[in-house]
Amino acid sequence: MEGKVKVILLIALLASLTFSQNAVVFASNASNVKVVWPANKVVALEAYHSANQPNYLGNGAQWVWLSGSDAWQDGYQAIYHSTFYSDCPNSQALLSITADNLFAAYLNGDQVGFGTNWQKTYTFKVNLNCGPNYFKVIATNLDEGTPAAVIYSFTQDQSQCYKCANKAKYNKKTCKCEPFFPAPPCSQHPEQPPKPVCVQTKACAIGKVWDPVKCACGCRDPPPRCGAGLRYDPITCGCIA
Protein backbone atom coordinates (compact mmCIF):
# COMPACT_ATOMS: atom_id res chain seq x y z
CA MET A 1 0.00 0.00 0.00
CA GLU A 2 2.83 2.33 0.90
CA GLY A 3 4.44 1.70 -2.50
CA LYS A 4 1.22 2.68 -4.31
CA VAL A 5 1.06 5.94 -2.33
CA LYS A 6 4.63 6.79 -3.36
CA VAL A 7 3.80 6.10 -7.00
CA ILE A 8 0.73 8.35 -6.83
CA LEU A 9 2.74 11.15 -5.21
CA LEU A 10 5.45 10.81 -7.85
CA ILE A 11 2.89 11.02 -10.66
CA ALA A 12 1.34 14.12 -9.07
CA LEU A 13 4.76 15.74 -8.78
CA LEU A 14 5.60 15.03 -12.42
CA ALA A 15 2.23 16.38 -13.50
CA SER A 16 2.78 19.61 -11.58
CA LEU A 17 6.18 20.03 -13.21
CA THR A 18 4.70 19.38 -16.63
CA PHE A 19 1.86 21.87 -16.39
CA SER A 20 3.81 24.58 -14.56
CA GLN A 21 6.61 26.06 -16.61
CA ASN A 22 7.77 28.78 -14.23
CA ALA A 23 10.58 30.58 -16.03
CA VAL A 24 13.05 33.12 -14.70
CA VAL A 25 12.64 36.19 -16.89
CA PHE A 26 15.21 38.26 -15.01
CA ALA A 27 17.45 37.75 -11.96
CA SER A 28 19.61 40.50 -10.48
CA ASN A 29 23.40 40.31 -10.64
CA ALA A 30 26.30 42.74 -10.84
CA SER A 31 26.32 42.81 -14.65
CA ASN A 32 22.62 43.39 -15.44
CA VAL A 33 21.86 45.91 -12.68
CA LYS A 34 22.98 49.50 -13.31
CA VAL A 35 23.25 52.34 -10.82
CA VAL A 36 21.43 55.59 -11.54
CA TRP A 37 22.36 57.35 -8.32
CA PRO A 38 24.98 58.09 -7.01
CA ALA A 39 26.33 58.60 -10.53
CA ASN A 40 29.97 57.99 -9.58
CA LYS A 41 29.38 54.52 -8.13
CA VAL A 42 29.57 51.01 -9.63
CA VAL A 43 27.31 48.03 -8.90
CA ALA A 44 28.97 45.02 -7.25
CA LEU A 45 27.97 41.83 -5.47
CA GLU A 46 27.22 42.61 -1.82
CA ALA A 47 29.57 40.58 0.37
CA TYR A 48 27.68 40.16 3.64
CA HIS A 49 24.35 38.92 2.32
CA SER A 50 25.97 36.93 -0.48
CA ALA A 51 27.98 34.99 2.11
CA ASN A 52 25.19 34.49 4.67
CA GLN A 53 22.13 34.19 2.38
CA PRO A 54 23.32 32.85 -1.00
CA ASN A 55 20.61 32.15 -3.59
CA TYR A 56 18.12 33.83 -1.27
CA LEU A 57 15.28 33.80 -3.84
CA GLY A 58 16.08 30.28 -5.04
CA ASN A 59 16.38 31.23 -8.71
CA GLY A 60 19.95 32.48 -9.09
CA ALA A 61 19.31 36.13 -8.26
CA GLN A 62 22.21 37.77 -6.42
CA TRP A 63 22.50 40.44 -3.73
CA VAL A 64 23.94 43.65 -5.15
CA TRP A 65 24.88 47.09 -3.88
CA LEU A 66 27.51 49.71 -4.55
CA SER A 67 31.20 48.88 -4.63
CA GLY A 68 33.69 50.45 -2.26
CA SER A 69 32.46 49.59 1.24
CA ASP A 70 30.72 47.01 3.42
CA ALA A 71 29.30 49.58 5.85
CA TRP A 72 27.01 52.44 4.87
CA GLN A 73 25.58 55.51 6.52
CA ASP A 74 22.13 55.68 8.05
CA GLY A 75 19.77 56.95 5.36
CA TYR A 76 22.18 56.26 2.48
CA GLN A 77 20.12 55.83 -0.68
CA ALA A 78 20.86 54.30 -4.07
CA ILE A 79 18.77 54.02 -7.24
CA TYR A 80 19.18 51.05 -9.59
CA HIS A 81 17.64 50.13 -12.91
CA SER A 82 17.49 47.09 -15.15
CA THR A 83 16.20 46.48 -18.66
CA PHE A 84 14.90 43.07 -19.71
CA TYR A 85 12.74 41.70 -22.51
CA SER A 86 9.49 39.75 -22.51
CA ASP A 87 7.83 37.84 -25.35
CA CYS A 88 4.73 36.70 -23.43
CA PRO A 89 2.95 39.73 -21.92
CA ASN A 90 -0.42 37.94 -21.72
CA SER A 91 0.72 35.95 -18.69
CA GLN A 92 1.28 37.83 -15.42
CA ALA A 93 4.77 37.79 -13.96
CA LEU A 94 5.86 37.72 -10.32
CA LEU A 95 8.35 40.24 -8.92
CA SER A 96 10.22 38.85 -5.90
CA ILE A 97 12.30 41.44 -4.07
CA THR A 98 13.73 42.64 -0.78
CA ALA A 99 16.31 45.19 0.31
CA ASP A 100 18.38 46.01 3.35
CA ASN A 101 16.56 48.05 4.58
CA LEU A 102 13.84 49.86 2.56
CA PHE A 103 12.83 49.83 -1.10
CA ALA A 104 10.32 51.20 -3.59
CA ALA A 105 9.97 49.38 -6.92
CA TYR A 106 8.83 50.78 -10.29
CA LEU A 107 8.10 48.90 -13.51
CA ASN A 108 7.73 50.80 -16.79
CA GLY A 109 7.18 54.02 -14.88
CA ASP A 110 4.53 52.76 -12.41
CA GLN A 111 5.17 51.93 -8.77
CA VAL A 112 4.50 48.23 -8.23
CA GLY A 113 5.57 47.73 -4.63
CA PHE A 114 7.57 48.74 -1.56
CA GLY A 115 9.00 47.06 1.52
CA THR A 116 10.44 47.88 4.93
CA ASN A 117 11.72 44.53 6.24
CA TRP A 118 14.92 43.13 4.71
CA GLN A 119 14.28 39.73 6.35
CA LYS A 120 11.09 39.27 4.31
CA THR A 121 10.71 38.44 0.62
CA TYR A 122 8.06 40.61 -1.01
CA THR A 123 6.17 39.34 -4.05
CA PHE A 124 4.06 41.43 -6.43
CA LYS A 125 2.06 40.36 -9.48
CA VAL A 126 2.97 42.55 -12.44
CA ASN A 127 2.15 42.88 -16.13
CA LEU A 128 5.01 42.94 -18.60
CA ASN A 129 5.29 44.76 -21.90
CA CYS A 130 5.98 42.99 -25.16
CA GLY A 131 9.63 43.77 -25.81
CA PRO A 132 11.72 45.88 -23.42
CA ASN A 133 10.69 46.39 -19.78
CA TYR A 134 12.28 49.00 -17.54
CA PHE A 135 12.61 48.32 -13.82
CA LYS A 136 13.80 50.79 -11.18
CA VAL A 137 14.30 50.29 -7.45
CA ILE A 138 15.10 52.94 -4.86
CA ALA A 139 16.83 51.32 -1.88
CA THR A 140 17.68 52.96 1.45
CA ASN A 141 20.00 51.77 4.20
CA LEU A 142 19.11 52.26 7.88
CA ASP A 143 21.43 52.15 10.89
CA GLU A 144 24.89 53.66 10.80
CA GLY A 145 27.78 51.54 9.54
CA THR A 146 25.75 48.48 8.48
CA PRO A 147 25.60 46.46 5.24
CA ALA A 148 23.13 47.45 2.54
CA ALA A 149 21.85 45.33 -0.33
CA VAL A 150 19.02 44.66 -2.77
CA ILE A 151 17.97 41.49 -4.59
CA TYR A 152 15.13 40.87 -7.05
CA SER A 153 13.86 38.67 -9.84
CA PHE A 154 10.97 38.33 -12.28
CA THR A 155 9.47 34.89 -12.88
CA GLN A 156 6.56 33.83 -15.06
CA ASP A 157 4.40 30.76 -15.55
CA GLN A 158 4.80 30.25 -19.29
CA SER A 159 2.67 27.12 -19.60
CA GLN A 160 0.07 29.09 -21.59
CA CYS A 161 2.54 31.16 -23.58
CA TYR A 162 3.17 30.77 -27.30
CA LYS A 163 0.00 28.74 -27.93
CA CYS A 164 -1.94 29.48 -31.10
CA ALA A 165 -4.94 28.02 -32.91
CA ASN A 166 -4.61 26.02 -36.10
CA LYS A 167 -2.89 27.70 -39.03
CA ALA A 168 -1.33 30.32 -36.74
CA LYS A 169 2.19 30.72 -35.38
CA TYR A 170 3.37 32.73 -32.38
CA ASN A 171 5.58 35.68 -33.29
CA LYS A 172 7.84 36.47 -30.32
CA LYS A 173 8.64 39.90 -31.74
CA THR A 174 5.02 41.07 -31.84
CA CYS A 175 3.80 38.70 -29.07
CA LYS A 176 0.83 37.72 -31.24
CA CYS A 177 -0.46 34.69 -33.10
CA GLU A 178 -0.17 35.35 -36.81
CA PRO A 179 -1.39 33.39 -39.85
CA PHE A 180 1.04 30.76 -40.95
CA PHE A 181 0.98 29.31 -44.43
CA PRO A 182 3.64 26.65 -44.83
CA ALA A 183 5.01 25.98 -48.26
CA PRO A 184 3.28 23.02 -49.95
CA PRO A 185 5.28 19.85 -50.53
CA CYS A 186 7.58 19.76 -53.51
CA SER A 187 5.21 17.33 -55.24
CA GLN A 188 2.77 20.22 -55.60
CA HIS A 189 5.35 22.26 -57.47
CA PRO A 190 5.95 20.34 -60.72
CA GLU A 191 8.91 21.49 -62.68
CA GLN A 192 8.15 23.72 -65.60
CA PRO A 193 8.70 22.06 -68.98
CA PRO A 194 11.89 23.26 -70.66
CA LYS A 195 11.48 26.01 -73.20
CA PRO A 196 11.94 24.84 -76.79
CA VAL A 197 15.29 25.65 -78.33
CA CYS A 198 15.08 27.85 -81.41
CA VAL A 199 17.14 26.02 -84.01
CA GLN A 200 18.77 28.08 -86.74
CA THR A 201 16.87 27.45 -89.98
CA LYS A 202 18.76 29.68 -92.40
CA ALA A 203 22.16 31.18 -92.98
CA CYS A 204 22.76 34.76 -91.89
CA ALA A 205 24.24 37.46 -94.09
CA ILE A 206 27.77 38.71 -93.57
CA GLY A 207 28.00 40.74 -90.37
CA LYS A 208 24.90 39.19 -88.82
CA VAL A 209 24.44 36.33 -86.34
CA TRP A 210 21.59 34.01 -85.40
CA ASP A 211 19.47 35.19 -82.41
CA PRO A 212 17.95 32.08 -80.67
CA VAL A 213 15.51 34.25 -78.70
CA LYS A 214 14.03 36.05 -81.69
CA CYS A 215 14.62 33.10 -84.00
CA ALA A 216 16.04 35.45 -86.60
CA CYS A 217 19.30 36.89 -87.86
CA GLY A 218 20.39 40.06 -86.14
CA CYS A 219 23.33 42.28 -85.38
CA ARG A 220 26.04 41.33 -82.96
CA ASP A 221 25.72 42.59 -79.41
CA PRO A 222 27.76 44.60 -78.65
CA PRO A 223 28.23 46.06 -82.12
CA PRO A 224 31.71 46.31 -83.58
CA ARG A 225 33.78 49.46 -83.22
CA CYS A 226 34.07 51.56 -86.31
CA GLY A 227 37.26 53.24 -87.46
CA ALA A 228 37.85 56.92 -88.01
CA GLY A 229 35.35 58.49 -90.38
CA LEU A 230 32.96 55.52 -90.19
CA ARG A 231 29.69 54.97 -88.33
CA TYR A 232 27.75 51.88 -87.31
CA ASP A 233 24.71 50.98 -89.45
CA PRO A 234 22.12 48.87 -87.51
CA ILE A 235 20.49 47.78 -90.78
CA THR A 236 23.53 46.24 -92.35
CA CYS A 237 25.18 45.59 -88.99
CA GLY A 238 28.37 47.08 -90.35
CA CYS A 239 30.40 50.25 -90.51
CA ILE A 240 29.70 52.68 -93.31
CA ALA A 241 31.13 56.04 -94.40
C-alpha atoms as a PDB file:
ATOM      1  CA  MET A   1       0.000   0.000   0.000  1.00  0.00           C
ATOM      2  CA  GLU A   2       2.829   2.333   0.896  1.00  0.00           C
ATOM      3  CA  GLY A   3       4.436   1.698  -2.498  1.00  0.00           C
ATOM      4  CA  LYS A   4       1.221   2.680  -4.312  1.00  0.00           C
ATOM      5  CA  VAL A   5       1.061   5.937  -2.335  1.00  0.00           C
ATOM      6  CA  LYS A   6       4.627   6.788  -3.364  1.00  0.00           C
ATOM      7  CA  VAL A   7       3.797   6.104  -7.002  1.00  0.00           C
ATOM      8  CA  ILE A   8       0.726   8.347  -6.833  1.00  0.00           C
ATOM      9  CA  LEU A   9       2.736  11.150  -5.207  1.00  0.00           C
ATOM     10  CA  LEU A  10       5.450  10.805  -7.847  1.00  0.00           C
ATOM     11  CA  ILE A  11       2.889  11.021 -10.664  1.00  0.00           C
ATOM     12  CA  ALA A  12       1.339  14.115  -9.067  1.00  0.00           C
ATOM     13  CA  LEU A  13       4.758  15.735  -8.778  1.00  0.00           C
ATOM     14  CA  LEU A  14       5.604  15.030 -12.419  1.00  0.00           C
ATOM     15  CA  ALA A  15       2.230  16.380 -13.498  1.00  0.00           C
ATOM     16  CA  SER A  16       2.782  19.609 -11.584  1.00  0.00           C
ATOM     17  CA  LEU A  17       6.185  20.028 -13.213  1.00  0.00           C
ATOM     18  CA  THR A  18       4.698  19.382 -16.635  1.00  0.00           C
ATOM     19  CA  PHE A  19       1.858  21.872 -16.395  1.00  0.00           C
ATOM     20  CA  SER A  20       3.813  24.578 -14.563  1.00  0.00           C
ATOM     21  CA  GLN A  21       6.610  26.059 -16.612  1.00  0.00           C
ATOM     22  CA  ASN A  22       7.768  28.776 -14.231  1.00  0.00           C
ATOM     23  CA  ALA A  23      10.579  30.576 -16.029  1.00  0.00           C
ATOM     24  CA  VAL A  24      13.051  33.120 -14.704  1.00  0.00           C
ATOM     25  CA  VAL A  25      12.636  36.190 -16.890  1.00  0.00           C
ATOM     26  CA  PHE A  26      15.207  38.264 -15.005  1.00  0.00           C
ATOM     27  CA  ALA A  27      17.448  37.751 -11.957  1.00  0.00           C
ATOM     28  CA  SER A  28      19.614  40.497 -10.484  1.00  0.00           C
ATOM     29  CA  ASN A  29      23.396  40.315 -10.638  1.00  0.00           C
ATOM     30  CA  ALA A  30      26.298  42.737 -10.838  1.00  0.00           C
ATOM     31  CA  SER A  31      26.318  42.812 -14.647  1.00  0.00           C
ATOM     32  CA  ASN A  32      22.624  43.387 -15.438  1.00  0.00           C
ATOM     33  CA  VAL A  33      21.862  45.906 -12.676  1.00  0.00           C
ATOM     34  CA  LYS A  34      22.977  49.497 -13.307  1.00  0.00           C
ATOM     35  CA  VAL A  35      23.253  52.336 -10.816  1.00  0.00           C
ATOM     36  CA  VAL A  36      21.430  55.593 -11.543  1.00  0.00           C
ATOM     37  CA  TRP A  37      22.361  57.350  -8.323  1.00  0.00           C
ATOM     38  CA  PRO A  38      24.977  58.086  -7.013  1.00  0.00           C
ATOM     39  CA  ALA A  39      26.327  58.598 -10.528  1.00  0.00           C
ATOM     40  CA  ASN A  40      29.971  57.989  -9.581  1.00  0.00           C
ATOM     41  CA  LYS A  41      29.381  54.517  -8.133  1.00  0.00           C
ATOM     42  CA  VAL A  42      29.572  51.014  -9.630  1.00  0.00           C
ATOM     43  CA  VAL A  43      27.312  48.027  -8.901  1.00  0.00           C
ATOM     44  CA  ALA A  44      28.972  45.017  -7.251  1.00  0.00           C
ATOM     45  CA  LEU A  45      27.974  41.830  -5.475  1.00  0.00           C
ATOM     46  CA  GLU A  46      27.215  42.613  -1.823  1.00  0.00           C
ATOM     47  CA  ALA A  47      29.572  40.576   0.366  1.00  0.00           C
ATOM     48  CA  TYR A  48      27.681  40.164   3.641  1.00  0.00           C
ATOM     49  CA  HIS A  49      24.348  38.924   2.321  1.00  0.00           C
ATOM     50  CA  SER A  50      25.969  36.926  -0.481  1.00  0.00           C
ATOM     51  CA  ALA A  51      27.977  34.989   2.114  1.00  0.00           C
ATOM     52  CA  ASN A  52      25.191  34.495   4.669  1.00  0.00           C
ATOM     53  CA  GLN A  53      22.131  34.187   2.382  1.00  0.00           C
ATOM     54  CA  PRO A  54      23.319  32.853  -0.999  1.00  0.00           C
ATOM     55  CA  ASN A  55      20.611  32.148  -3.590  1.00  0.00           C
ATOM     56  CA  TYR A  56      18.118  33.829  -1.274  1.00  0.00           C
ATOM     57  CA  LEU A  57      15.281  33.803  -3.836  1.00  0.00           C
ATOM     58  CA  GLY A  58      16.076  30.284  -5.039  1.00  0.00           C
ATOM     59  CA  ASN A  59      16.384  31.233  -8.715  1.00  0.00           C
ATOM     60  CA  GLY A  60      19.945  32.477  -9.093  1.00  0.00           C
ATOM     61  CA  ALA A  61      19.313  36.132  -8.256  1.00  0.00           C
ATOM     62  CA  GLN A  62      22.209  37.769  -6.416  1.00  0.00           C
ATOM     63  CA  TRP A  63      22.497  40.441  -3.735  1.00  0.00           C
ATOM     64  CA  VAL A  64      23.944  43.651  -5.147  1.00  0.00           C
ATOM     65  CA  TRP A  65      24.877  47.085  -3.876  1.00  0.00           C
ATOM     66  CA  LEU A  66      27.515  49.710  -4.549  1.00  0.00           C
ATOM     67  CA  SER A  67      31.204  48.885  -4.634  1.00  0.00           C
ATOM     68  CA  GLY A  68      33.694  50.451  -2.263  1.00  0.00           C
ATOM     69  CA  SER A  69      32.462  49.592   1.245  1.00  0.00           C
ATOM     70  CA  ASP A  70      30.723  47.011   3.420  1.00  0.00           C
ATOM     71  CA  ALA A  71      29.298  49.577   5.846  1.00  0.00           C
ATOM     72  CA  TRP A  72      27.007  52.438   4.869  1.00  0.00           C
ATOM     73  CA  GLN A  73      25.582  55.512   6.521  1.00  0.00           C
ATOM     74  CA  ASP A  74      22.135  55.678   8.052  1.00  0.00           C
ATOM     75  CA  GLY A  75      19.771  56.955   5.364  1.00  0.00           C
ATOM     76  CA  TYR A  76      22.176  56.255   2.482  1.00  0.00           C
ATOM     77  CA  GLN A  77      20.116  55.826  -0.678  1.00  0.00           C
ATOM     78  CA  ALA A  78      20.859  54.304  -4.071  1.00  0.00           C
ATOM     79  CA  ILE A  79      18.767  54.021  -7.242  1.00  0.00           C
ATOM     80  CA  TYR A  80      19.183  51.055  -9.591  1.00  0.00           C
ATOM     81  CA  HIS A  81      17.640  50.135 -12.907  1.00  0.00           C
ATOM     82  CA  SER A  82      17.491  47.086 -15.155  1.00  0.00           C
ATOM     83  CA  THR A  83      16.204  46.476 -18.663  1.00  0.00           C
ATOM     84  CA  PHE A  84      14.899  43.067 -19.713  1.00  0.00           C
ATOM     85  CA  TYR A  85      12.736  41.702 -22.513  1.00  0.00           C
ATOM     86  CA  SER A  86       9.488  39.750 -22.515  1.00  0.00           C
ATOM     87  CA  ASP A  87       7.830  37.840 -25.352  1.00  0.00           C
ATOM     88  CA  CYS A  88       4.733  36.700 -23.426  1.00  0.00           C
ATOM     89  CA  PRO A  89       2.950  39.726 -21.916  1.00  0.00           C
ATOM     90  CA  ASN A  90      -0.415  37.937 -21.722  1.00  0.00           C
ATOM     91  CA  SER A  91       0.716  35.949 -18.686  1.00  0.00           C
ATOM     92  CA  GLN A  92       1.285  37.834 -15.418  1.00  0.00           C
ATOM     93  CA  ALA A  93       4.774  37.792 -13.956  1.00  0.00           C
ATOM     94  CA  LEU A  94       5.861  37.723 -10.321  1.00  0.00           C
ATOM     95  CA  LEU A  95       8.347  40.235  -8.917  1.00  0.00           C
ATOM     96  CA  SER A  96      10.223  38.852  -5.897  1.00  0.00           C
ATOM     97  CA  ILE A  97      12.304  41.443  -4.073  1.00  0.00           C
ATOM     98  CA  THR A  98      13.728  42.640  -0.780  1.00  0.00           C
ATOM     99  CA  ALA A  99      16.307  45.190   0.308  1.00  0.00           C
ATOM    100  CA  ASP A 100      18.378  46.011   3.350  1.00  0.00           C
ATOM    101  CA  ASN A 101      16.562  48.045   4.576  1.00  0.00           C
ATOM    102  CA  LEU A 102      13.838  49.859   2.564  1.00  0.00           C
ATOM    103  CA  PHE A 103      12.835  49.828  -1.100  1.00  0.00           C
ATOM    104  CA  ALA A 104      10.318  51.197  -3.589  1.00  0.00           C
ATOM    105  CA  ALA A 105       9.966  49.377  -6.923  1.00  0.00           C
ATOM    106  CA  TYR A 106       8.826  50.780 -10.289  1.00  0.00           C
ATOM    107  CA  LEU A 107       8.099  48.900 -13.513  1.00  0.00           C
ATOM    108  CA  ASN A 108       7.731  50.800 -16.789  1.00  0.00           C
ATOM    109  CA  GLY A 109       7.181  54.016 -14.877  1.00  0.00           C
ATOM    110  CA  ASP A 110       4.533  52.761 -12.415  1.00  0.00           C
ATOM    111  CA  GLN A 111       5.171  51.927  -8.771  1.00  0.00           C
ATOM    112  CA  VAL A 112       4.499  48.234  -8.232  1.00  0.00           C
ATOM    113  CA  GLY A 113       5.573  47.729  -4.629  1.00  0.00           C
ATOM    114  CA  PHE A 114       7.568  48.738  -1.559  1.00  0.00           C
ATOM    115  CA  GLY A 115       9.002  47.058   1.517  1.00  0.00           C
ATOM    116  CA  THR A 116      10.436  47.881   4.926  1.00  0.00           C
ATOM    117  CA  ASN A 117      11.723  44.529   6.242  1.00  0.00           C
ATOM    118  CA  TRP A 118      14.920  43.125   4.714  1.00  0.00           C
ATOM    119  CA  GLN A 119      14.282  39.726   6.346  1.00  0.00           C
ATOM    120  CA  LYS A 120      11.095  39.274   4.313  1.00  0.00           C
ATOM    121  CA  THR A 121      10.711  38.440   0.618  1.00  0.00           C
ATOM    122  CA  TYR A 122       8.062  40.612  -1.011  1.00  0.00           C
ATOM    123  CA  THR A 123       6.165  39.344  -4.050  1.00  0.00           C
ATOM    124  CA  PHE A 124       4.060  41.428  -6.429  1.00  0.00           C
ATOM    125  CA  LYS A 125       2.061  40.365  -9.484  1.00  0.00           C
ATOM    126  CA  VAL A 126       2.973  42.549 -12.437  1.00  0.00           C
ATOM    127  CA  ASN A 127       2.149  42.879 -16.127  1.00  0.00           C
ATOM    128  CA  LEU A 128       5.014  42.936 -18.603  1.00  0.00           C
ATOM    129  CA  ASN A 129       5.293  44.762 -21.903  1.00  0.00           C
ATOM    130  CA  CYS A 130       5.984  42.987 -25.159  1.00  0.00           C
ATOM    131  CA  GLY A 131       9.632  43.767 -25.806  1.00  0.00           C
ATOM    132  CA  PRO A 132      11.717  45.881 -23.417  1.00  0.00           C
ATOM    133  CA  ASN A 133      10.687  46.386 -19.784  1.00  0.00           C
ATOM    134  CA  TYR A 134      12.277  49.001 -17.543  1.00  0.00           C
ATOM    135  CA  PHE A 135      12.606  48.317 -13.823  1.00  0.00           C
ATOM    136  CA  LYS A 136      13.802  50.793 -11.176  1.00  0.00           C
ATOM    137  CA  VAL A 137      14.296  50.292  -7.455  1.00  0.00           C
ATOM    138  CA  ILE A 138      15.105  52.943  -4.862  1.00  0.00           C
ATOM    139  CA  ALA A 139      16.827  51.324  -1.877  1.00  0.00           C
ATOM    140  CA  THR A 140      17.679  52.962   1.455  1.00  0.00           C
ATOM    141  CA  ASN A 141      20.002  51.766   4.204  1.00  0.00           C
ATOM    142  CA  LEU A 142      19.110  52.256   7.882  1.00  0.00           C
ATOM    143  CA  ASP A 143      21.435  52.147  10.892  1.00  0.00           C
ATOM    144  CA  GLU A 144      24.893  53.662  10.798  1.00  0.00           C
ATOM    145  CA  GLY A 145      27.779  51.536   9.537  1.00  0.00           C
ATOM    146  CA  THR A 146      25.745  48.484   8.484  1.00  0.00           C
ATOM    147  CA  PRO A 147      25.598  46.457   5.242  1.00  0.00           C
ATOM    148  CA  ALA A 148      23.127  47.448   2.543  1.00  0.00           C
ATOM    149  CA  ALA A 149      21.847  45.329  -0.329  1.00  0.00           C
ATOM    150  CA  VAL A 150      19.020  44.661  -2.766  1.00  0.00           C
ATOM    151  CA  ILE A 151      17.971  41.488  -4.590  1.00  0.00           C
ATOM    152  CA  TYR A 152      15.133  40.871  -7.045  1.00  0.00           C
ATOM    153  CA  SER A 153      13.857  38.666  -9.842  1.00  0.00           C
ATOM    154  CA  PHE A 154      10.966  38.332 -12.282  1.00  0.00           C
ATOM    155  CA  THR A 155       9.466  34.887 -12.885  1.00  0.00           C
ATOM    156  CA  GLN A 156       6.564  33.829 -15.057  1.00  0.00           C
ATOM    157  CA  ASP A 157       4.398  30.761 -15.549  1.00  0.00           C
ATOM    158  CA  GLN A 158       4.795  30.255 -19.289  1.00  0.00           C
ATOM    159  CA  SER A 159       2.669  27.116 -19.600  1.00  0.00           C
ATOM    160  CA  GLN A 160       0.067  29.091 -21.586  1.00  0.00           C
ATOM    161  CA  CYS A 161       2.544  31.159 -23.581  1.00  0.00           C
ATOM    162  CA  TYR A 162       3.169  30.766 -27.303  1.00  0.00           C
ATOM    163  CA  LYS A 163       0.002  28.742 -27.928  1.00  0.00           C
ATOM    164  CA  CYS A 164      -1.943  29.480 -31.105  1.00  0.00           C
ATOM    165  CA  ALA A 165      -4.938  28.018 -32.909  1.00  0.00           C
ATOM    166  CA  ASN A 166      -4.608  26.017 -36.097  1.00  0.00           C
ATOM    167  CA  LYS A 167      -2.891  27.701 -39.033  1.00  0.00           C
ATOM    168  CA  ALA A 168      -1.328  30.325 -36.739  1.00  0.00           C
ATOM    169  CA  LYS A 169       2.186  30.722 -35.380  1.00  0.00           C
ATOM    170  CA  TYR A 170       3.367  32.735 -32.383  1.00  0.00           C
ATOM    171  CA  ASN A 171       5.581  35.680 -33.285  1.00  0.00           C
ATOM    172  CA  LYS A 172       7.844  36.469 -30.321  1.00  0.00           C
ATOM    173  CA  LYS A 173       8.642  39.904 -31.739  1.00  0.00           C
ATOM    174  CA  THR A 174       5.022  41.067 -31.838  1.00  0.00           C
ATOM    175  CA  CYS A 175       3.795  38.699 -29.065  1.00  0.00           C
ATOM    176  CA  LYS A 176       0.834  37.722 -31.243  1.00  0.00           C
ATOM    177  CA  CYS A 177      -0.460  34.692 -33.101  1.00  0.00           C
ATOM    178  CA  GLU A 178      -0.166  35.346 -36.809  1.00  0.00           C
ATOM    179  CA  PRO A 179      -1.395  33.391 -39.849  1.00  0.00           C
ATOM    180  CA  PHE A 180       1.035  30.763 -40.946  1.00  0.00           C
ATOM    181  CA  PHE A 181       0.980  29.312 -44.429  1.00  0.00           C
ATOM    182  CA  PRO A 182       3.637  26.646 -44.833  1.00  0.00           C
ATOM    183  CA  ALA A 183       5.008  25.977 -48.260  1.00  0.00           C
ATOM    184  CA  PRO A 184       3.278  23.020 -49.950  1.00  0.00           C
ATOM    185  CA  PRO A 185       5.280  19.852 -50.525  1.00  0.00           C
ATOM    186  CA  CYS A 186       7.583  19.759 -53.506  1.00  0.00           C
ATOM    187  CA  SER A 187       5.211  17.326 -55.238  1.00  0.00           C
ATOM    188  CA  GLN A 188       2.767  20.220 -55.595  1.00  0.00           C
ATOM    189  CA  HIS A 189       5.352  22.263 -57.472  1.00  0.00           C
ATOM    190  CA  PRO A 190       5.946  20.341 -60.717  1.00  0.00           C
ATOM    191  CA  GLU A 191       8.912  21.487 -62.683  1.00  0.00           C
ATOM    192  CA  GLN A 192       8.148  23.721 -65.600  1.00  0.00           C
ATOM    193  CA  PRO A 193       8.705  22.059 -68.985  1.00  0.00           C
ATOM    194  CA  PRO A 194      11.887  23.261 -70.658  1.00  0.00           C
ATOM    195  CA  LYS A 195      11.476  26.008 -73.197  1.00  0.00           C
ATOM    196  CA  PRO A 196      11.943  24.844 -76.793  1.00  0.00           C
ATOM    197  CA  VAL A 197      15.289  25.650 -78.333  1.00  0.00           C
ATOM    198  CA  CYS A 198      15.080  27.852 -81.409  1.00  0.00           C
ATOM    199  CA  VAL A 199      17.135  26.023 -84.011  1.00  0.00           C
ATOM    200  CA  GLN A 200      18.775  28.076 -86.743  1.00  0.00           C
ATOM    201  CA  THR A 201      16.869  27.450 -89.978  1.00  0.00           C
ATOM    202  CA  LYS A 202      18.764  29.681 -92.395  1.00  0.00           C
ATOM    203  CA  ALA A 203      22.159  31.175 -92.983  1.00  0.00           C
ATOM    204  CA  CYS A 204      22.758  34.760 -91.886  1.00  0.00           C
ATOM    205  CA  ALA A 205      24.235  37.456 -94.091  1.00  0.00           C
ATOM    206  CA  ILE A 206      27.765  38.705 -93.569  1.00  0.00           C
ATOM    207  CA  GLY A 207      28.000  40.737 -90.367  1.00  0.00           C
ATOM    208  CA  LYS A 208      24.899  39.190 -88.825  1.00  0.00           C
ATOM    209  CA  VAL A 209      24.443  36.327 -86.335  1.00  0.00           C
ATOM    210  CA  TRP A 210      21.587  34.010 -85.395  1.00  0.00           C
ATOM    211  CA  ASP A 211      19.474  35.187 -82.410  1.00  0.00           C
ATOM    212  CA  PRO A 212      17.947  32.084 -80.666  1.00  0.00           C
ATOM    213  CA  VAL A 213      15.512  34.249 -78.697  1.00  0.00           C
ATOM    214  CA  LYS A 214      14.031  36.053 -81.691  1.00  0.00           C
ATOM    215  CA  CYS A 215      14.624  33.097 -83.996  1.00  0.00           C
ATOM    216  CA  ALA A 216      16.043  35.447 -86.605  1.00  0.00           C
ATOM    217  CA  CYS A 217      19.298  36.891 -87.858  1.00  0.00           C
ATOM    218  CA  GLY A 218      20.391  40.055 -86.141  1.00  0.00           C
ATOM    219  CA  CYS A 219      23.329  42.280 -85.383  1.00  0.00           C
ATOM    220  CA  ARG A 220      26.045  41.329 -82.959  1.00  0.00           C
ATOM    221  CA  ASP A 221      25.725  42.589 -79.412  1.00  0.00           C
ATOM    222  CA  PRO A 222      27.756  44.603 -78.651  1.00  0.00           C
ATOM    223  CA  PRO A 223      28.229  46.060 -82.117  1.00  0.00           C
ATOM    224  CA  PRO A 224      31.712  46.312 -83.582  1.00  0.00           C
ATOM    225  CA  ARG A 225      33.784  49.456 -83.221  1.00  0.00           C
ATOM    226  CA  CYS A 226      34.073  51.555 -86.312  1.00  0.00           C
ATOM    227  CA  GLY A 227      37.262  53.239 -87.463  1.00  0.00           C
ATOM    228  CA  ALA A 228      37.852  56.920 -88.008  1.00  0.00           C
ATOM    229  CA  GLY A 229      35.348  58.494 -90.381  1.00  0.00           C
ATOM    230  CA  LEU A 230      32.963  55.517 -90.187  1.00  0.00           C
ATOM    231  CA  ARG A 231      29.692  54.972 -88.326  1.00  0.00           C
ATOM    232  CA  TYR A 232      27.749  51.884 -87.313  1.00  0.00           C
ATOM    233  CA  ASP A 233      24.715  50.978 -89.455  1.00  0.00           C
ATOM    234  CA  PRO A 234      22.123  48.873 -87.514  1.00  0.00           C
ATOM    235  CA  ILE A 235      20.489  47.781 -90.777  1.00  0.00           C
ATOM    236  CA  THR A 236      23.533  46.235 -92.349  1.00  0.00           C
ATOM    237  CA  CYS A 237      25.185  45.586 -88.986  1.00  0.00           C
ATOM    238  CA  GLY A 238      28.374  47.078 -90.347  1.00  0.00           C
ATOM    239  CA  CYS A 239      30.402  50.246 -90.512  1.00  0.00           C
ATOM    240  CA  ILE A 240      29.695  52.678 -93.315  1.00  0.00           C
ATOM    241  CA  ALA A 241      31.129  56.038 -94.399  1.00  0.00           C
END
